[in-house]
Amino acid sequence: MEERFFAAFISCFFIALGVIIGGSFIGSIGDFATGDAPLTSMGRIADRLRIWAIVAAIGGTFDAIANFEKGLTDGSTIDFVKQVLLILSAMGGVKTGIIIIDWFLQKGSP
């Protein structure tokens, strides 16, 4: 595997982490401004941002679909494996962000 892939792998993790943490913190400011409890909405916002953080981290859905198609139809399995690993990296960033938000809100693990 080439070095550029590892940079993209790490970037996907931290982009997804940033979308979850930043989105939930900044999104809860709106609830504060309207008089609602911002800490209560922070966890709810983080749960709603999960799929969007993954999509933002992998760079959009059309590139992912094109790489899946290339991997399956053209027999280029390395492209397929790379795309799956990038999605798994983004999912790890999302899970880490949710854990940090739960820790900040002092929620216990279910």
N, C-alpha and C. Protein backbone atom coordinates (compact mmCIF):
# COMPACT_ATOMS: atom_id res chain seq x y z
N MET A 1 0.84 -1.17 0.00
CA MET A 1 0.00 0.00 0.00
C MET A 1 0.89 1.24 0.00
N GLU A 2 0.43 2.23 -0.65
CA GLU A 2 1.26 3.41 -0.80
C GLU A 2 1.08 4.36 0.38
N GLU A 3 2.04 5.25 0.51
CA GLU A 3 2.04 6.17 1.64
C GLU A 3 0.88 7.16 1.59
N ARG A 4 0.44 7.53 0.42
CA ARG A 4 -0.69 8.47 0.29
C ARG A 4 -1.97 7.89 0.88
N PHE A 5 -2.14 6.57 0.80
CA PHE A 5 -3.32 5.93 1.38
C PHE A 5 -3.33 6.08 2.89
N PHE A 6 -2.17 5.93 3.53
CA PHE A 6 -2.11 6.05 4.99
C PHE A 6 -2.45 7.47 5.44
N ALA A 7 -2.05 8.46 4.66
CA ALA A 7 -2.42 9.84 4.98
C ALA A 7 -3.93 10.03 4.87
N ALA A 8 -4.53 9.45 3.84
CA ALA A 8 -5.99 9.54 3.68
C ALA A 8 -6.70 8.78 4.78
N PHE A 9 -6.13 7.65 5.21
CA PHE A 9 -6.71 6.84 6.28
C PHE A 9 -6.77 7.63 7.58
N ILE A 10 -5.68 8.29 7.92
CA ILE A 10 -5.62 9.10 9.14
C ILE A 10 -6.52 10.33 9.02
N SER A 11 -6.53 10.95 7.85
CA SER A 11 -7.38 12.13 7.63
C SER A 11 -8.86 11.78 7.78
N CYS A 12 -9.27 10.63 7.26
CA CYS A 12 -10.68 10.22 7.38
C CYS A 12 -11.08 10.09 8.84
N PHE A 13 -10.20 9.52 9.65
CA PHE A 13 -10.50 9.35 11.07
C PHE A 13 -10.73 10.70 11.73
N PHE A 14 -9.80 11.62 11.52
CA PHE A 14 -9.88 12.90 12.22
C PHE A 14 -10.93 13.84 11.64
N ILE A 15 -11.25 13.72 10.37
CA ILE A 15 -12.34 14.52 9.80
C ILE A 15 -13.66 14.09 10.41
N ALA A 16 -13.90 12.79 10.50
CA ALA A 16 -15.13 12.29 11.11
C ALA A 16 -15.20 12.67 12.59
N LEU A 17 -14.07 12.58 13.28
CA LEU A 17 -14.02 12.98 14.69
C LEU A 17 -14.36 14.46 14.84
N GLY A 18 -13.81 15.29 13.98
CA GLY A 18 -14.07 16.73 14.04
C GLY A 18 -15.50 17.10 13.71
N VAL A 19 -16.11 16.38 12.77
CA VAL A 19 -17.51 16.66 12.43
C VAL A 19 -18.41 16.35 13.62
N ILE A 20 -18.16 15.24 14.28
CA ILE A 20 -19.00 14.86 15.43
C ILE A 20 -18.81 15.84 16.59
N ILE A 21 -17.57 16.08 16.97
CA ILE A 21 -17.33 16.95 18.13
C ILE A 21 -17.71 18.40 17.82
N GLY A 22 -17.23 18.92 16.72
CA GLY A 22 -17.53 20.31 16.37
C GLY A 22 -19.01 20.53 16.10
N GLY A 23 -19.63 19.61 15.38
CA GLY A 23 -21.05 19.76 15.07
C GLY A 23 -21.93 19.71 16.30
N SER A 24 -21.60 18.83 17.23
CA SER A 24 -22.44 18.73 18.43
C SER A 24 -22.23 19.92 19.37
N PHE A 25 -20.99 20.38 19.50
CA PHE A 25 -20.75 21.55 20.35
C PHE A 25 -21.35 22.81 19.75
N ILE A 26 -21.10 23.06 18.48
CA ILE A 26 -21.61 24.26 17.83
C ILE A 26 -23.13 24.18 17.66
N GLY A 27 -23.64 22.99 17.35
CA GLY A 27 -25.08 22.82 17.20
C GLY A 27 -25.85 23.06 18.48
N SER A 28 -25.23 22.76 19.62
CA SER A 28 -25.93 22.97 20.89
C SER A 28 -26.02 24.45 21.27
N ILE A 29 -25.25 25.30 20.60
CA ILE A 29 -25.35 26.74 20.85
C ILE A 29 -26.72 27.24 20.42
N GLY A 30 -27.28 26.66 19.37
CA GLY A 30 -28.62 27.03 18.94
C GLY A 30 -29.67 26.73 19.99
N ASP A 31 -29.53 25.60 20.67
CA ASP A 31 -30.47 25.29 21.75
C ASP A 31 -30.28 26.23 22.93
N PHE A 32 -29.05 26.59 23.21
CA PHE A 32 -28.79 27.56 24.27
C PHE A 32 -29.43 28.90 23.95
N ALA A 33 -29.32 29.31 22.69
CA ALA A 33 -29.88 30.60 22.28
C ALA A 33 -31.40 30.62 22.35
N THR A 34 -32.02 29.46 22.17
CA THR A 34 -33.48 29.41 22.21
C THR A 34 -34.01 29.07 23.60
N GLY A 35 -33.13 28.90 24.57
CA GLY A 35 -33.56 28.66 25.94
C GLY A 35 -33.68 27.20 26.32
N ASP A 36 -33.30 26.29 25.42
CA ASP A 36 -33.33 24.87 25.73
C ASP A 36 -32.02 24.45 26.39
N ALA A 37 -31.99 23.22 26.88
CA ALA A 37 -30.79 22.71 27.55
C ALA A 37 -29.76 22.26 26.51
N PRO A 38 -28.63 22.94 26.43
CA PRO A 38 -27.64 22.59 25.40
C PRO A 38 -26.98 21.24 25.63
N LEU A 39 -26.76 20.84 26.87
CA LEU A 39 -26.10 19.56 27.12
C LEU A 39 -26.99 18.39 26.75
N THR A 40 -28.29 18.55 26.93
CA THR A 40 -29.22 17.50 26.55
C THR A 40 -29.23 17.31 25.04
N SER A 41 -29.19 18.39 24.31
CA SER A 41 -29.25 18.29 22.85
C SER A 41 -27.91 17.87 22.24
N MET A 42 -26.83 18.03 22.98
CA MET A 42 -25.52 17.71 22.43
C MET A 42 -25.41 16.24 22.04
N GLY A 43 -25.86 15.35 22.91
CA GLY A 43 -25.82 13.92 22.59
C GLY A 43 -26.74 13.56 21.44
N ARG A 44 -27.90 14.20 21.40
CA ARG A 44 -28.86 13.96 20.32
C ARG A 44 -28.29 14.41 18.98
N ILE A 45 -27.65 15.56 18.98
CA ILE A 45 -27.06 16.08 17.74
C ILE A 45 -25.92 15.17 17.28
N ALA A 46 -25.11 14.70 18.21
CA ALA A 46 -24.01 13.81 17.84
C ALA A 46 -24.53 12.52 17.22
N ASP A 47 -25.63 11.98 17.74
CA ASP A 47 -26.22 10.77 17.15
C ASP A 47 -26.74 11.02 15.74
N ARG A 48 -27.31 12.19 15.52
CA ARG A 48 -27.84 12.53 14.19
C ARG A 48 -26.74 12.77 13.17
N LEU A 49 -25.56 13.16 13.61
CA LEU A 49 -24.47 13.48 12.69
C LEU A 49 -23.64 12.27 12.27
N ARG A 50 -23.92 11.10 12.78
CA ARG A 50 -23.07 9.93 12.52
C ARG A 50 -22.85 9.68 11.04
N ILE A 51 -23.91 9.49 10.28
CA ILE A 51 -23.76 9.14 8.87
C ILE A 51 -23.15 10.29 8.08
N TRP A 52 -23.48 11.54 8.47
CA TRP A 52 -22.94 12.69 7.74
C TRP A 52 -21.44 12.85 7.98
N ALA A 53 -20.99 12.47 9.16
CA ALA A 53 -19.55 12.53 9.44
C ALA A 53 -18.80 11.52 8.58
N ILE A 54 -19.38 10.35 8.39
CA ILE A 54 -18.73 9.34 7.54
C ILE A 54 -18.69 9.81 6.10
N VAL A 55 -19.81 10.36 5.62
CA VAL A 55 -19.86 10.85 4.23
C VAL A 55 -18.87 11.99 4.03
N ALA A 56 -18.79 12.90 4.98
CA ALA A 56 -17.85 14.02 4.86
C ALA A 56 -16.41 13.52 4.89
N ALA A 57 -16.13 12.52 5.69
CA ALA A 57 -14.76 12.04 5.82
C ALA A 57 -14.27 11.32 4.56
N ILE A 58 -15.13 10.58 3.90
CA ILE A 58 -14.68 9.86 2.70
C ILE A 58 -14.76 10.71 1.45
N GLY A 59 -15.25 11.94 1.59
CA GLY A 59 -15.20 12.87 0.47
C GLY A 59 -16.42 12.84 -0.42
N GLY A 60 -17.52 12.35 0.06
CA GLY A 60 -18.75 12.31 -0.74
C GLY A 60 -19.09 10.91 -1.16
N THR A 61 -20.32 10.69 -1.47
CA THR A 61 -20.77 9.33 -1.77
C THR A 61 -20.46 8.90 -3.19
N PHE A 62 -20.36 9.81 -4.15
CA PHE A 62 -20.16 9.41 -5.53
C PHE A 62 -18.77 8.82 -5.75
N ASP A 63 -17.76 9.36 -5.09
CA ASP A 63 -16.43 8.79 -5.22
C ASP A 63 -16.37 7.40 -4.61
N ALA A 64 -17.03 7.22 -3.49
CA ALA A 64 -17.04 5.91 -2.85
C ALA A 64 -17.73 4.88 -3.74
N ILE A 65 -18.86 5.26 -4.34
CA ILE A 65 -19.58 4.34 -5.22
C ILE A 65 -18.74 4.02 -6.46
N ALA A 66 -18.07 5.03 -7.00
CA ALA A 66 -17.21 4.79 -8.18
C ALA A 66 -16.06 3.84 -7.84
N ASN A 67 -15.47 4.00 -6.66
CA ASN A 67 -14.38 3.09 -6.27
C ASN A 67 -14.89 1.67 -6.01
N PHE A 68 -16.07 1.55 -5.41
CA PHE A 68 -16.67 0.22 -5.23
C PHE A 68 -16.92 -0.44 -6.58
N GLU A 69 -17.48 0.33 -7.51
CA GLU A 69 -17.76 -0.21 -8.84
C GLU A 69 -16.48 -0.64 -9.55
N LYS A 70 -15.47 0.20 -9.45
CA LYS A 70 -14.18 -0.11 -10.07
C LYS A 70 -13.59 -1.38 -9.47
N GLY A 71 -13.73 -1.51 -8.15
CA GLY A 71 -13.19 -2.69 -7.47
C GLY A 71 -13.94 -3.96 -7.82
N LEU A 72 -15.24 -3.87 -7.99
CA LEU A 72 -16.04 -5.07 -8.27
C LEU A 72 -16.08 -5.44 -9.74
N THR A 73 -16.29 -4.46 -10.62
CA THR A 73 -16.46 -4.78 -12.04
C THR A 73 -15.14 -4.93 -12.78
N ASP A 74 -14.15 -4.14 -12.44
CA ASP A 74 -12.88 -4.21 -13.15
C ASP A 74 -11.91 -5.21 -12.53
N GLY A 75 -12.29 -5.80 -11.44
CA GLY A 75 -11.42 -6.78 -10.79
C GLY A 75 -10.28 -6.16 -10.01
N SER A 76 -10.37 -4.88 -9.74
CA SER A 76 -9.33 -4.19 -8.97
C SER A 76 -9.71 -4.25 -7.49
N THR A 77 -9.36 -5.36 -6.87
CA THR A 77 -9.77 -5.56 -5.48
C THR A 77 -9.04 -4.63 -4.52
N ILE A 78 -7.86 -4.15 -4.87
CA ILE A 78 -7.12 -3.28 -3.97
C ILE A 78 -7.87 -1.96 -3.78
N ASP A 79 -8.52 -1.45 -4.83
CA ASP A 79 -9.31 -0.23 -4.69
C ASP A 79 -10.52 -0.46 -3.80
N PHE A 80 -11.12 -1.62 -3.92
CA PHE A 80 -12.26 -1.98 -3.07
C PHE A 80 -11.84 -2.06 -1.61
N VAL A 81 -10.72 -2.71 -1.35
CA VAL A 81 -10.22 -2.86 0.02
C VAL A 81 -9.83 -1.51 0.61
N LYS A 82 -9.20 -0.66 -0.19
CA LYS A 82 -8.84 0.67 0.29
C LYS A 82 -10.07 1.48 0.67
N GLN A 83 -11.12 1.40 -0.15
CA GLN A 83 -12.33 2.16 0.15
C GLN A 83 -13.01 1.64 1.42
N VAL A 84 -13.03 0.33 1.60
CA VAL A 84 -13.60 -0.25 2.82
C VAL A 84 -12.79 0.19 4.04
N LEU A 85 -11.48 0.22 3.93
CA LEU A 85 -10.64 0.65 5.05
C LEU A 85 -10.84 2.13 5.37
N LEU A 86 -11.05 2.95 4.35
CA LEU A 86 -11.32 4.37 4.60
C LEU A 86 -12.66 4.55 5.32
N ILE A 87 -13.66 3.77 4.93
CA ILE A 87 -14.96 3.85 5.60
C ILE A 87 -14.84 3.37 7.04
N LEU A 88 -14.09 2.31 7.27
CA LEU A 88 -13.88 1.82 8.64
C LEU A 88 -13.13 2.84 9.49
N SER A 89 -12.17 3.54 8.89
CA SER A 89 -11.46 4.59 9.61
C SER A 89 -12.41 5.72 10.00
N ALA A 90 -13.28 6.11 9.07
CA ALA A 90 -14.26 7.16 9.38
C ALA A 90 -15.22 6.70 10.47
N MET A 91 -15.62 5.44 10.43
CA MET A 91 -16.50 4.91 11.47
C MET A 91 -15.81 4.89 12.83
N GLY A 92 -14.51 4.64 12.84
CA GLY A 92 -13.75 4.71 14.09
C GLY A 92 -13.69 6.12 14.63
N GLY A 93 -13.54 7.11 13.75
CA GLY A 93 -13.55 8.50 14.17
C GLY A 93 -14.90 8.92 14.74
N VAL A 94 -15.97 8.43 14.13
CA VAL A 94 -17.32 8.72 14.63
C VAL A 94 -17.50 8.11 16.02
N LYS A 95 -17.11 6.86 16.18
CA LYS A 95 -17.26 6.20 17.47
C LYS A 95 -16.43 6.89 18.55
N THR A 96 -15.22 7.30 18.21
CA THR A 96 -14.38 8.02 19.16
C THR A 96 -15.03 9.35 19.54
N GLY A 97 -15.59 10.07 18.57
CA GLY A 97 -16.28 11.33 18.85
C GLY A 97 -17.48 11.13 19.75
N ILE A 98 -18.26 10.08 19.52
CA ILE A 98 -19.42 9.80 20.36
C ILE A 98 -18.98 9.47 21.78
N ILE A 99 -17.89 8.72 21.92
CA ILE A 99 -17.37 8.39 23.26
C ILE A 99 -16.91 9.65 23.98
N ILE A 100 -16.25 10.57 23.27
CA ILE A 100 -15.78 11.82 23.89
C ILE A 100 -16.98 12.67 24.31
N ILE A 101 -18.01 12.75 23.47
CA ILE A 101 -19.21 13.52 23.82
C ILE A 101 -19.90 12.89 25.03
N ASP A 102 -20.03 11.56 25.04
CA ASP A 102 -20.63 10.89 26.20
C ASP A 102 -19.81 11.12 27.46
N TRP A 103 -18.49 11.12 27.33
CA TRP A 103 -17.63 11.39 28.47
C TRP A 103 -17.83 12.82 28.97
N PHE A 104 -17.93 13.76 28.03
CA PHE A 104 -18.15 15.16 28.40
C PHE A 104 -19.50 15.34 29.10
N LEU A 105 -20.51 14.61 28.63
CA LEU A 105 -21.85 14.72 29.22
C LEU A 105 -22.01 13.84 30.46
N GLN A 106 -20.97 13.08 30.79
CA GLN A 106 -20.94 12.16 31.93
C GLN A 106 -22.05 11.12 31.84
N LYS A 107 -22.22 10.58 30.64
CA LYS A 107 -23.14 9.48 30.44
C LYS A 107 -22.42 8.18 30.67
N GLY A 108 -23.12 7.21 31.20
CA GLY A 108 -22.53 5.89 31.36
C GLY A 108 -22.68 5.11 30.07
N SER A 109 -21.89 4.05 29.92
CA SER A 109 -22.02 3.21 28.74
C SER A 109 -23.28 2.36 28.86
N PRO A 110 -23.98 2.19 27.74
CA PRO A 110 -25.19 1.37 27.79
C PRO A 110 -24.89 -0.09 27.92
